[in-house]
């Protein structure tokens, strides 16, 4: 079972590493859905923590419809991430109608190559997941991060199982959204996923969310 921990800071990444995690999705501003982290944070997690780092490429919170200036900025972020030695890129592009923007997704898959691309939970906002799944596969993405088109994986467990079945071995389905040490085993057994994604966060005295070492350790143990 592959475990990915969503980390919104270098400290969160260090906590995940100390708990035994080997792969993270690195972002910042997790409270608002996550945005692209700083280059310094990426470099530290790659070079000092020796983690497999997947970087969220998202210039702002809000929707997943971007203008040309934002798209060009995102493209430059991908280029820098490749130079810094990350292991994967995480993106999500939708049209104003709520469908996947296939042209833009293909562009970023090509730009990120040979790094794998994860299509994030923008997938869950699409109206027809069966069609969207086929489109994401056709774009060349390696993974889809999804909660089964519901707010949490537990709520979307039935759909998540159907997504896994339709995907087969053509793309990896990464279950994420409300994954905890207490429910991770149920999600795995109920859906058939082979990868899970959790933030394992807790509120700090400073008023922000940080990855909790104990939760990561328990999540990894309970997922096996």
C-alpha atoms as a PDB file:
ATOM      1  CA  UNK A   1       0.000   0.000   0.000  1.00  0.00           C
ATOM      2  CA  UNK A   2       1.430   3.349  -1.055  1.00  0.00           C
ATOM      3  CA  UNK A   3       0.826   6.190   1.385  1.00  0.00           C
ATOM      4  CA  UNK A   4       1.013   9.850   0.394  1.00  0.00           C
ATOM      5  CA  UNK A   5       0.942  12.512   3.096  1.00  0.00           C
ATOM      6  CA  UNK A   6      -0.264  16.001   2.202  1.00  0.00           C
ATOM      7  CA  UNK A   7       2.088  18.516   3.834  1.00  0.00           C
ATOM      8  CA  UNK A   8       1.634  22.273   3.857  1.00  0.00           C
ATOM      9  CA  UNK A   9       5.042  23.274   5.219  1.00  0.00           C
ATOM     10  CA  UNK A  10       8.598  22.107   5.702  1.00  0.00           C
ATOM     11  CA  UNK A  11       7.806  21.337   9.345  1.00  0.00           C
ATOM     12  CA  UNK A  12       4.835  19.210   8.309  1.00  0.00           C
ATOM     13  CA  UNK A  13       7.087  17.365   5.858  1.00  0.00           C
ATOM     14  CA  UNK A  14       9.684  16.811   8.579  1.00  0.00           C
ATOM     15  CA  UNK A  15       6.968  15.422  10.859  1.00  0.00           C
ATOM     16  CA  UNK A  16       5.783  13.081   8.107  1.00  0.00           C
ATOM     17  CA  UNK A  17       9.347  11.915   7.500  1.00  0.00           C
ATOM     18  CA  UNK A  18       9.917  11.270  11.206  1.00  0.00           C
ATOM     19  CA  UNK A  19       6.751   9.154  11.291  1.00  0.00           C
ATOM     20  CA  UNK A  20       7.961   6.952   8.449  1.00  0.00           C
ATOM     21  CA  UNK A  21       6.423   8.574   5.371  1.00  0.00           C
ATOM     22  CA  UNK A  22       8.432   8.418   2.176  1.00  0.00           C
ATOM     23  CA  UNK A  23       6.113  10.276  -0.201  1.00  0.00           C
ATOM     24  CA  UNK A  24       4.386  13.614   0.238  1.00  0.00           C
ATOM     25  CA  UNK A  25       2.282  16.047  -1.703  1.00  0.00           C
ATOM     26  CA  UNK A  26       3.771  19.425  -0.859  1.00  0.00           C
ATOM     27  CA  UNK A  27       1.660  22.560  -0.912  1.00  0.00           C
ATOM     28  CA  UNK A  28       0.923  25.629   1.174  1.00  0.00           C
ATOM     29  CA  UNK A  29      -2.279  27.373   2.283  1.00  0.00           C
ATOM     30  CA  UNK A  30      -3.977  24.043   2.866  1.00  0.00           C
ATOM     31  CA  UNK A  31      -6.841  25.752   4.690  1.00  0.00           C
ATOM     32  CA  UNK A  32      -7.954  27.181   1.332  1.00  0.00           C
ATOM     33  CA  UNK A  33      -7.440  24.029  -0.692  1.00  0.00           C
ATOM     34  CA  UNK A  34      -3.692  24.359  -1.202  1.00  0.00           C
ATOM     35  CA  UNK A  35      -1.447  26.373  -3.504  1.00  0.00           C
ATOM     36  CA  UNK A  36       2.065  25.953  -4.891  1.00  0.00           C
ATOM     37  CA  UNK A  37       4.738  25.959  -2.171  1.00  0.00           C
ATOM     38  CA  UNK A  38       7.924  28.022  -2.248  1.00  0.00           C
ATOM     39  CA  UNK A  39      10.936  26.801  -4.170  1.00  0.00           C
ATOM     40  CA  UNK A  40      12.971  26.778  -0.954  1.00  0.00           C
ATOM     41  CA  UNK A  41      10.441  24.444   0.682  1.00  0.00           C
ATOM     42  CA  UNK A  42      10.500  22.112  -2.311  1.00  0.00           C
ATOM     43  CA  UNK A  43      14.292  22.029  -2.382  1.00  0.00           C
ATOM     44  CA  UNK A  44      14.539  21.323   1.343  1.00  0.00           C
ATOM     45  CA  UNK A  45      12.097  18.426   1.186  1.00  0.00           C
ATOM     46  CA  UNK A  46      13.891  16.902  -1.804  1.00  0.00           C
ATOM     47  CA  UNK A  47      17.501  17.436  -0.777  1.00  0.00           C
ATOM     48  CA  UNK A  48      17.477  17.465   3.019  1.00  0.00           C
ATOM     49  CA  UNK A  49      14.523  15.253   3.892  1.00  0.00           C
ATOM     50  CA  UNK A  50      15.096  12.889   0.938  1.00  0.00           C
ATOM     51  CA  UNK A  51      11.367  12.488   0.385  1.00  0.00           C
ATOM     52  CA  UNK A  52       9.563  11.611  -2.827  1.00  0.00           C
ATOM     53  CA  UNK A  53       7.937  14.994  -3.359  1.00  0.00           C
ATOM     54  CA  UNK A  54       4.864  15.554  -5.495  1.00  0.00           C
ATOM     55  CA  UNK A  55       4.199  19.287  -5.861  1.00  0.00           C
ATOM     56  CA  UNK A  56       0.816  20.933  -6.174  1.00  0.00           C
ATOM     57  CA  UNK A  57       0.801  23.405  -9.055  1.00  0.00           C
ATOM     58  CA  UNK A  58      -1.971  25.859  -8.254  1.00  0.00           C
ATOM     59  CA  UNK A  59      -1.406  29.632  -8.254  1.00  0.00           C
ATOM     60  CA  UNK A  60      -4.424  30.564  -6.141  1.00  0.00           C
ATOM     61  CA  UNK A  61      -7.438  29.258  -4.278  1.00  0.00           C
ATOM     62  CA  UNK A  62     -10.897  29.293  -5.816  1.00  0.00           C
ATOM     63  CA  UNK A  63     -11.950  27.549  -8.990  1.00  0.00           C
ATOM     64  CA  UNK A  64      -9.829  25.572 -11.440  1.00  0.00           C
ATOM     65  CA  UNK A  65     -10.335  27.811 -14.467  1.00  0.00           C
ATOM     66  CA  UNK A  66      -7.166  29.798 -15.084  1.00  0.00           C
ATOM     67  CA  UNK A  67      -6.334  32.760 -17.300  1.00  0.00           C
ATOM     68  CA  UNK A  68      -3.313  32.872 -19.600  1.00  0.00           C
ATOM     69  CA  UNK A  69      -1.096  34.689 -17.103  1.00  0.00           C
ATOM     70  CA  UNK A  70      -1.849  32.094 -14.428  1.00  0.00           C
ATOM     71  CA  UNK A  71      -1.233  29.264 -16.884  1.00  0.00           C
ATOM     72  CA  UNK A  72       2.156  30.653 -17.878  1.00  0.00           C
ATOM     73  CA  UNK A  73       3.092  30.998 -14.211  1.00  0.00           C
ATOM     74  CA  UNK A  74       2.070  27.407 -13.580  1.00  0.00           C
ATOM     75  CA  UNK A  75       4.135  26.249 -16.541  1.00  0.00           C
ATOM     76  CA  UNK A  76       7.215  27.964 -15.112  1.00  0.00           C
ATOM     77  CA  UNK A  77       6.532  26.332 -11.745  1.00  0.00           C
ATOM     78  CA  UNK A  78       6.576  22.918 -13.419  1.00  0.00           C
ATOM     79  CA  UNK A  79       9.900  23.662 -15.087  1.00  0.00           C
ATOM     80  CA  UNK A  80      11.461  24.718 -11.788  1.00  0.00           C
ATOM     81  CA  UNK A  81      10.059  21.667  -9.995  1.00  0.00           C
ATOM     82  CA  UNK A  82      11.729  19.406 -12.544  1.00  0.00           C
ATOM     83  CA  UNK A  83      15.034  21.197 -11.965  1.00  0.00           C
ATOM     84  CA  UNK A  84      14.657  20.745  -8.202  1.00  0.00           C
ATOM     85  CA  UNK A  85      14.255  16.980  -8.531  1.00  0.00           C
ATOM     86  CA  UNK A  86      10.651  16.384  -7.528  1.00  0.00           C
ATOM     87  CA  UNK A  87       9.025  13.033  -8.265  1.00  0.00           C
ATOM     88  CA  UNK A  88       5.675  14.201  -9.592  1.00  0.00           C
ATOM     89  CA  UNK A  89       3.356  17.075 -10.422  1.00  0.00           C
ATOM     90  CA  UNK A  90      -0.211  17.593  -9.189  1.00  0.00           C
ATOM     91  CA  UNK A  91      -2.652  19.671 -11.271  1.00  0.00           C
ATOM     92  CA  UNK A  92      -6.320  20.029 -12.139  1.00  0.00           C
ATOM     93  CA  UNK A  93      -7.940  22.024 -14.932  1.00  0.00           C
ATOM     94  CA  UNK A  94     -11.659  22.539 -15.538  1.00  0.00           C
ATOM     95  CA  UNK A  95     -13.691  24.508 -18.047  1.00  0.00           C
ATOM     96  CA  UNK A  96     -16.321  27.083 -17.132  1.00  0.00           C
ATOM     97  CA  UNK A  97     -18.911  24.346 -17.698  1.00  0.00           C
ATOM     98  CA  UNK A  98     -17.299  22.148 -15.072  1.00  0.00           C
ATOM     99  CA  UNK A  99     -15.763  19.637 -17.463  1.00  0.00           C
ATOM    100  CA  UNK A 100     -12.093  18.688 -17.571  1.00  0.00           C
ATOM    101  CA  UNK A 101     -10.011  20.992 -19.742  1.00  0.00           C
ATOM    102  CA  UNK A 102      -8.414  18.244 -21.796  1.00  0.00           C
ATOM    103  CA  UNK A 103      -6.226  20.512 -23.920  1.00  0.00           C
ATOM    104  CA  UNK A 104      -4.661  22.157 -20.900  1.00  0.00           C
ATOM    105  CA  UNK A 105      -4.268  18.865 -19.068  1.00  0.00           C
ATOM    106  CA  UNK A 106      -2.448  17.330 -22.037  1.00  0.00           C
ATOM    107  CA  UNK A 107      -0.214  20.396 -22.257  1.00  0.00           C
ATOM    108  CA  UNK A 108       0.894  19.995 -18.652  1.00  0.00           C
ATOM    109  CA  UNK A 109       1.349  16.238 -18.928  1.00  0.00           C
ATOM    110  CA  UNK A 110       3.712  16.885 -21.822  1.00  0.00           C
ATOM    111  CA  UNK A 111       5.433  19.719 -19.962  1.00  0.00           C
ATOM    112  CA  UNK A 112       5.936  17.596 -16.842  1.00  0.00           C
ATOM    113  CA  UNK A 113       7.267  14.541 -18.723  1.00  0.00           C
ATOM    114  CA  UNK A 114       8.910  12.291 -17.755  1.00  0.00           C
ATOM    115  CA  UNK A 115       7.451  13.070 -14.330  1.00  0.00           C
ATOM    116  CA  UNK A 116       4.027  11.522 -13.609  1.00  0.00           C
ATOM    117  CA  UNK A 117       1.046  13.842 -13.260  1.00  0.00           C
ATOM    118  CA  UNK A 118      -1.707  13.458 -10.677  1.00  0.00           C
ATOM    119  CA  UNK A 119      -5.072  15.016 -11.550  1.00  0.00           C
ATOM    120  CA  UNK A 120      -6.298  16.285  -8.180  1.00  0.00           C
ATOM    121  CA  UNK A 121      -9.765  16.515  -6.636  1.00  0.00           C
ATOM    122  CA  UNK A 122     -11.001  18.918  -9.276  1.00  0.00           C
ATOM    123  CA  UNK A 123     -12.054  15.530 -10.671  1.00  0.00           C
ATOM    124  CA  UNK A 124     -14.728  15.348  -7.974  1.00  0.00           C
ATOM    125  CA  UNK A 125     -16.365  18.534  -9.246  1.00  0.00           C
ATOM    126  CA  UNK A 126     -17.127  17.109 -12.673  1.00  0.00           C
ATOM    127  CA  UNK A 127     -20.737  16.168 -13.407  1.00  0.00           C
ATOM    128  CA  UNK A 128     -20.033  12.840 -15.133  1.00  0.00           C
ATOM    129  CA  UNK A 129     -17.209  10.935 -13.498  1.00  0.00           C
ATOM    130  CA  UNK A 130     -17.340   8.013 -15.941  1.00  0.00           C
ATOM    131  CA  UNK A 131     -16.661  10.286 -18.907  1.00  0.00           C
ATOM    132  CA  UNK A 132     -14.191  12.410 -16.954  1.00  0.00           C
ATOM    133  CA  UNK A 133     -12.219   9.322 -15.934  1.00  0.00           C
ATOM    134  CA  UNK A 134     -11.780   8.311 -19.565  1.00  0.00           C
ATOM    135  CA  UNK A 135     -10.718  11.841 -20.489  1.00  0.00           C
ATOM    136  CA  UNK A 136      -8.120  12.018 -17.725  1.00  0.00           C
ATOM    137  CA  UNK A 137      -6.729   8.662 -18.859  1.00  0.00           C
ATOM    138  CA  UNK A 138      -6.607   9.839 -22.467  1.00  0.00           C
ATOM    139  CA  UNK A 139      -4.640  12.922 -21.386  1.00  0.00           C
ATOM    140  CA  UNK A 140      -1.859  10.721 -20.042  1.00  0.00           C
ATOM    141  CA  UNK A 141      -2.194  11.371 -16.311  1.00  0.00           C
ATOM    142  CA  UNK A 142      -0.721   8.740 -14.033  1.00  0.00           C
ATOM    143  CA  UNK A 143      -3.094   9.201 -11.084  1.00  0.00           C
ATOM    144  CA  UNK A 144      -6.391  10.667 -10.023  1.00  0.00           C
ATOM    145  CA  UNK A 145      -6.832  11.930  -6.475  1.00  0.00           C
ATOM    146  CA  UNK A 146     -10.492  11.478  -5.594  1.00  0.00           C
ATOM    147  CA  UNK A 147     -12.904  11.052  -2.701  1.00  0.00           C
ATOM    148  CA  UNK A 148     -15.397   9.282  -4.928  1.00  0.00           C
ATOM    149  CA  UNK A 149     -17.070  12.545  -5.992  1.00  0.00           C
ATOM    150  CA  UNK A 150     -18.263  13.228  -2.439  1.00  0.00           C
ATOM    151  CA  UNK A 151     -16.947  15.502   0.323  1.00  0.00           C
ATOM    152  CA  UNK A 152     -15.113  12.574   1.961  1.00  0.00           C
ATOM    153  CA  UNK A 153     -13.977   9.119   0.917  1.00  0.00           C
ATOM    154  CA  UNK A 154     -16.264   7.477   3.448  1.00  0.00           C
ATOM    155  CA  UNK A 155     -19.276   9.207   1.898  1.00  0.00           C
ATOM    156  CA  UNK A 156     -18.057   8.381  -1.594  1.00  0.00           C
ATOM    157  CA  UNK A 157     -16.961   4.812  -0.923  1.00  0.00           C
ATOM    158  CA  UNK A 158     -19.446   3.156  -3.285  1.00  0.00           C
ATOM    159  CA  UNK A 159     -18.552   5.491  -6.151  1.00  0.00           C
ATOM    160  CA  UNK A 160     -14.855   5.168  -5.362  1.00  0.00           C
ATOM    161  CA  UNK A 161     -15.144   1.411  -5.759  1.00  0.00           C
ATOM    162  CA  UNK A 162     -16.798   1.908  -9.160  1.00  0.00           C
ATOM    163  CA  UNK A 163     -14.069   4.336 -10.218  1.00  0.00           C
ATOM    164  CA  UNK A 164     -11.378   1.809  -9.280  1.00  0.00           C
ATOM    165  CA  UNK A 165     -13.187  -0.891 -11.247  1.00  0.00           C
ATOM    166  CA  UNK A 166     -13.568   1.234 -14.381  1.00  0.00           C
ATOM    167  CA  UNK A 167      -9.976   2.472 -14.170  1.00  0.00           C
ATOM    168  CA  UNK A 168      -8.535  -1.017 -13.985  1.00  0.00           C
ATOM    169  CA  UNK A 169      -4.784  -0.936 -14.509  1.00  0.00           C
ATOM    170  CA  UNK A 170      -4.930   2.038 -16.882  1.00  0.00           C
ATOM    171  CA  UNK A 171      -4.466   4.686 -14.175  1.00  0.00           C
ATOM    172  CA  UNK A 172      -3.848   4.705 -10.423  1.00  0.00           C
ATOM    173  CA  UNK A 173      -6.710   5.839  -8.214  1.00  0.00           C
ATOM    174  CA  UNK A 174      -5.423   7.679  -5.152  1.00  0.00           C
ATOM    175  CA  UNK A 175      -8.096   7.865  -2.444  1.00  0.00           C
ATOM    176  CA  UNK A 176      -8.091  11.111  -0.487  1.00  0.00           C
ATOM    177  CA  UNK A 177     -10.492  13.284   1.438  1.00  0.00           C
ATOM    178  CA  UNK A 178     -11.077  12.708   5.135  1.00  0.00           C
ATOM    179  CA  UNK A 179      -8.689   9.757   5.345  1.00  0.00           C
ATOM    180  CA  UNK A 180      -7.778   9.059   8.986  1.00  0.00           C
ATOM    181  CA  UNK A 181      -6.009   6.260  10.871  1.00  0.00           C
ATOM    182  CA  UNK A 182      -9.447   5.095  12.025  1.00  0.00           C
ATOM    183  CA  UNK A 183     -11.056   4.743   8.593  1.00  0.00           C
ATOM    184  CA  UNK A 184      -8.146   4.072   6.244  1.00  0.00           C
ATOM    185  CA  UNK A 185      -8.520   0.289   6.406  1.00  0.00           C
ATOM    186  CA  UNK A 186     -12.231   0.518   5.666  1.00  0.00           C
ATOM    187  CA  UNK A 187     -11.533   2.759   2.664  1.00  0.00           C
ATOM    188  CA  UNK A 188      -8.941   0.355   1.299  1.00  0.00           C
ATOM    189  CA  UNK A 189     -11.064  -2.759   1.737  1.00  0.00           C
ATOM    190  CA  UNK A 190     -14.246  -1.063   0.576  1.00  0.00           C
ATOM    191  CA  UNK A 191     -12.831   0.481  -2.592  1.00  0.00           C
ATOM    192  CA  UNK A 192      -9.894  -1.652  -3.702  1.00  0.00           C
ATOM    193  CA  UNK A 193      -7.495   1.301  -3.976  1.00  0.00           C
ATOM    194  CA  UNK A 194      -3.783   0.645  -3.667  1.00  0.00           C
ATOM    195  CA  UNK A 195      -2.806   4.203  -2.750  1.00  0.00           C
ATOM    196  CA  UNK A 196      -4.190   6.561  -0.114  1.00  0.00           C
ATOM    197  CA  UNK A 197      -3.623  10.245   0.592  1.00  0.00           C
ATOM    198  CA  UNK A 198      -4.066  11.869   3.999  1.00  0.00           C
ATOM    199  CA  UNK A 199      -3.113  15.159   5.603  1.00  0.00           C
ATOM    200  CA  UNK A 200      -3.141  13.900   9.221  1.00  0.00           C
ATOM    201  CA  UNK A 201      -3.281  17.503  10.330  1.00  0.00           C
ATOM    202  CA  UNK A 202      -3.904  19.039  13.712  1.00  0.00           C
ATOM    203  CA  UNK A 203      -4.295  22.635  14.850  1.00  0.00           C
ATOM    204  CA  UNK A 204      -1.179  24.162  16.405  1.00  0.00           C
ATOM    205  CA  UNK A 205      -1.083  26.802  19.164  1.00  0.00           C
ATOM    206  CA  UNK A 206      -0.122  29.254  16.421  1.00  0.00           C
ATOM    207  CA  UNK A 207      -3.489  28.784  14.764  1.00  0.00           C
ATOM    208  CA  UNK A 208      -2.517  26.853  11.637  1.00  0.00           C
ATOM    209  CA  UNK A 209      -2.743  23.213  10.618  1.00  0.00           C
ATOM    210  CA  UNK A 210       0.346  21.035  10.725  1.00  0.00           C
ATOM    211  CA  UNK A 211       0.947  17.385   9.943  1.00  0.00           C
ATOM    212  CA  UNK A 212       0.804  15.346  13.152  1.00  0.00           C
ATOM    213  CA  UNK A 213       3.560  12.775  13.599  1.00  0.00           C
ATOM    214  CA  UNK A 214       1.466  10.331  15.632  1.00  0.00           C
ATOM    215  CA  UNK A 215      -1.407  10.371  13.132  1.00  0.00           C
ATOM    216  CA  UNK A 216       0.942   9.685  10.224  1.00  0.00           C
ATOM    217  CA  UNK A 217       2.510   6.783  12.076  1.00  0.00           C
ATOM    218  CA  UNK A 218      -0.903   5.290  12.844  1.00  0.00           C
ATOM    219  CA  UNK A 219      -2.165   5.874   9.306  1.00  0.00           C
ATOM    220  CA  UNK A 220       0.802   4.010   7.829  1.00  0.00           C
ATOM    221  CA  UNK A 221       0.426   1.146  10.298  1.00  0.00           C
ATOM    222  CA  UNK A 222      -3.324   0.777   9.799  1.00  0.00           C
ATOM    223  CA  UNK A 223      -3.086   0.912   5.999  1.00  0.00           C
ATOM    224  CA  UNK A 224      -0.883  -2.178   5.791  1.00  0.00           C
END
